[in-house]
Amino acid sequence: METVKDLRRELKGIGFKVSIRSYSHGPHATFIHTESEEKLTFNVFTPEQHKRWKPFFEWQHQHMEELRHIAINEYADCRIYGLIPS
């Protein structure tokens, strides 16, 4: 996985997608659960939300180095915020 396009393809396979929007500080990624359209904009989970997001977090943990590479190298002038946990 080298690019955002590759990232989107990978996420689609596990039922998630990513939206990347430009803001004044630079591009920012928001992950979305495809079936429910729920955006990951929170950090306190109900049991149902935890169950919904657990596959994503497991995937994210396994692909942390690839995500870090995309976050830093996809755009020449700035990094993509939100791809990796801070």
C-alpha atoms as a PDB file:
ATOM      1  CA  MET A   1       0.000   0.000   0.000  1.00  0.00           C
ATOM      2  CA  GLU A   2       1.687   3.155  -1.274  1.00  0.00           C
ATOM      3  CA  THR A   3      -1.016   5.720  -2.036  1.00  0.00           C
ATOM      4  CA  VAL A   4      -4.396   6.954  -0.825  1.00  0.00           C
ATOM      5  CA  LYS A   5      -5.948   5.066  -3.759  1.00  0.00           C
ATOM      6  CA  ASP A   6      -4.421   1.822  -2.435  1.00  0.00           C
ATOM      7  CA  LEU A   7      -5.628   2.709   1.066  1.00  0.00           C
ATOM      8  CA  ARG A   8      -9.192   3.177  -0.160  1.00  0.00           C
ATOM      9  CA  ARG A   9      -9.086  -0.204  -1.922  1.00  0.00           C
ATOM     10  CA  GLU A  10      -7.862  -1.922   1.252  1.00  0.00           C
ATOM     11  CA  LEU A  11     -10.457  -0.251   3.465  1.00  0.00           C
ATOM     12  CA  LYS A  12     -13.291  -1.128   1.093  1.00  0.00           C
ATOM     13  CA  GLY A  13     -12.425  -4.801   1.605  1.00  0.00           C
ATOM     14  CA  ILE A  14     -13.063  -4.559   5.352  1.00  0.00           C
ATOM     15  CA  GLY A  15     -16.163  -2.348   5.147  1.00  0.00           C
ATOM     16  CA  PHE A  16     -14.710   1.118   5.688  1.00  0.00           C
ATOM     17  CA  LYS A  17     -13.723   4.143   3.637  1.00  0.00           C
ATOM     18  CA  VAL A  18     -11.696   7.301   4.112  1.00  0.00           C
ATOM     19  CA  SER A  19     -12.527  10.890   3.284  1.00  0.00           C
ATOM     20  CA  ILE A  20      -9.645  13.331   2.860  1.00  0.00           C
ATOM     21  CA  ARG A  21     -10.523  17.023   2.990  1.00  0.00           C
ATOM     22  CA  SER A  22      -8.292  20.058   2.786  1.00  0.00           C
ATOM     23  CA  TYR A  23      -8.288  22.514   5.662  1.00  0.00           C
ATOM     24  CA  SER A  24      -6.091  25.498   6.468  1.00  0.00           C
ATOM     25  CA  HIS A  25      -3.613  23.285   8.353  1.00  0.00           C
ATOM     26  CA  GLY A  26      -3.506  20.789   5.464  1.00  0.00           C
ATOM     27  CA  PRO A  27      -5.314  17.615   4.404  1.00  0.00           C
ATOM     28  CA  HIS A  28      -7.194  15.656   7.082  1.00  0.00           C
ATOM     29  CA  ALA A  29      -8.452  12.062   6.909  1.00  0.00           C
ATOM     30  CA  THR A  30     -11.738  10.900   8.415  1.00  0.00           C
ATOM     31  CA  PHE A  31     -12.569   7.200   8.491  1.00  0.00           C
ATOM     32  CA  ILE A  32     -16.148   6.105   7.785  1.00  0.00           C
ATOM     33  CA  HIS A  33     -17.959   2.832   8.465  1.00  0.00           C
ATOM     34  CA  THR A  34     -19.518   2.052   5.079  1.00  0.00           C
ATOM     35  CA  GLU A  35     -22.715   0.303   6.192  1.00  0.00           C
ATOM     36  CA  SER A  36     -23.763   2.819   8.856  1.00  0.00           C
ATOM     37  CA  GLU A  37     -22.020   5.894   7.337  1.00  0.00           C
ATOM     38  CA  GLU A  38     -20.758   6.648  10.861  1.00  0.00           C
ATOM     39  CA  LYS A  39     -17.660   8.870  10.857  1.00  0.00           C
ATOM     40  CA  LEU A  40     -14.877   8.256  13.342  1.00  0.00           C
ATOM     41  CA  THR A  41     -14.959  11.673  15.013  1.00  0.00           C
ATOM     42  CA  PHE A  42     -15.188  10.474  18.615  1.00  0.00           C
ATOM     43  CA  ASN A  43     -13.070   8.577  21.119  1.00  0.00           C
ATOM     44  CA  VAL A  44     -15.640   7.209  23.572  1.00  0.00           C
ATOM     45  CA  PHE A  45     -17.452   4.127  22.287  1.00  0.00           C
ATOM     46  CA  THR A  46     -20.693   2.411  23.183  1.00  0.00           C
ATOM     47  CA  PRO A  47     -20.498  -1.397  23.096  1.00  0.00           C
ATOM     48  CA  GLU A  48     -22.218  -1.348  19.678  1.00  0.00           C
ATOM     49  CA  GLN A  49     -19.783   1.213  18.288  1.00  0.00           C
ATOM     50  CA  HIS A  50     -16.835  -0.718  19.650  1.00  0.00           C
ATOM     51  CA  LYS A  51     -18.047  -3.860  17.905  1.00  0.00           C
ATOM     52  CA  ARG A  52     -18.539  -1.897  14.651  1.00  0.00           C
ATOM     53  CA  TRP A  53     -15.097  -0.256  14.719  1.00  0.00           C
ATOM     54  CA  LYS A  54     -13.011  -3.123  16.115  1.00  0.00           C
ATOM     55  CA  PRO A  55     -12.128  -4.601  12.672  1.00  0.00           C
ATOM     56  CA  PHE A  56     -10.868  -1.200  11.565  1.00  0.00           C
ATOM     57  CA  PHE A  57      -8.699  -0.716  14.651  1.00  0.00           C
ATOM     58  CA  GLU A  58      -7.189  -4.182  14.247  1.00  0.00           C
ATOM     59  CA  TRP A  59      -6.469  -3.449  10.594  1.00  0.00           C
ATOM     60  CA  GLN A  60      -5.033  -0.029  11.466  1.00  0.00           C
ATOM     61  CA  HIS A  61      -2.710  -1.552  14.066  1.00  0.00           C
ATOM     62  CA  GLN A  62      -1.418  -4.112  11.536  1.00  0.00           C
ATOM     63  CA  HIS A  63      -0.779  -1.455   8.859  1.00  0.00           C
ATOM     64  CA  MET A  64       0.609   1.388  10.971  1.00  0.00           C
ATOM     65  CA  GLU A  65       3.911   1.713   9.075  1.00  0.00           C
ATOM     66  CA  GLU A  66       2.176   1.808   5.701  1.00  0.00           C
ATOM     67  CA  LEU A  67      -0.264   4.442   6.983  1.00  0.00           C
ATOM     68  CA  ARG A  68       2.631   6.489   8.347  1.00  0.00           C
ATOM     69  CA  HIS A  69       4.331   6.299   4.934  1.00  0.00           C
ATOM     70  CA  ILE A  70       1.163   7.493   3.147  1.00  0.00           C
ATOM     71  CA  ALA A  71       0.553  10.249   5.719  1.00  0.00           C
ATOM     72  CA  ILE A  72       4.019  11.691   5.230  1.00  0.00           C
ATOM     73  CA  ASN A  73       4.688  11.034   1.527  1.00  0.00           C
ATOM     74  CA  GLU A  74       1.382  11.368  -0.341  1.00  0.00           C
ATOM     75  CA  TYR A  75       1.553  15.153  -0.619  1.00  0.00           C
ATOM     76  CA  ALA A  76       4.898  16.826  -1.253  1.00  0.00           C
ATOM     77  CA  ASP A  77       4.351  19.917   0.876  1.00  0.00           C
ATOM     78  CA  CYS A  78       2.491  18.595   3.929  1.00  0.00           C
ATOM     79  CA  ARG A  79       1.353  15.473   5.761  1.00  0.00           C
ATOM     80  CA  ILE A  80      -2.153  14.014   5.939  1.00  0.00           C
ATOM     81  CA  TYR A  81      -3.468  14.455   9.467  1.00  0.00           C
ATOM     82  CA  GLY A  82      -5.682  11.792  11.015  1.00  0.00           C
ATOM     83  CA  LEU A  83      -4.358   8.727   9.180  1.00  0.00           C
ATOM     84  CA  ILE A  84      -2.500   7.465  12.218  1.00  0.00           C
ATOM     85  CA  PRO A  85      -3.462   7.855  15.866  1.00  0.00           C
ATOM     86  CA  SER A  86      -1.578  10.639  17.603  1.00  0.00           C
END
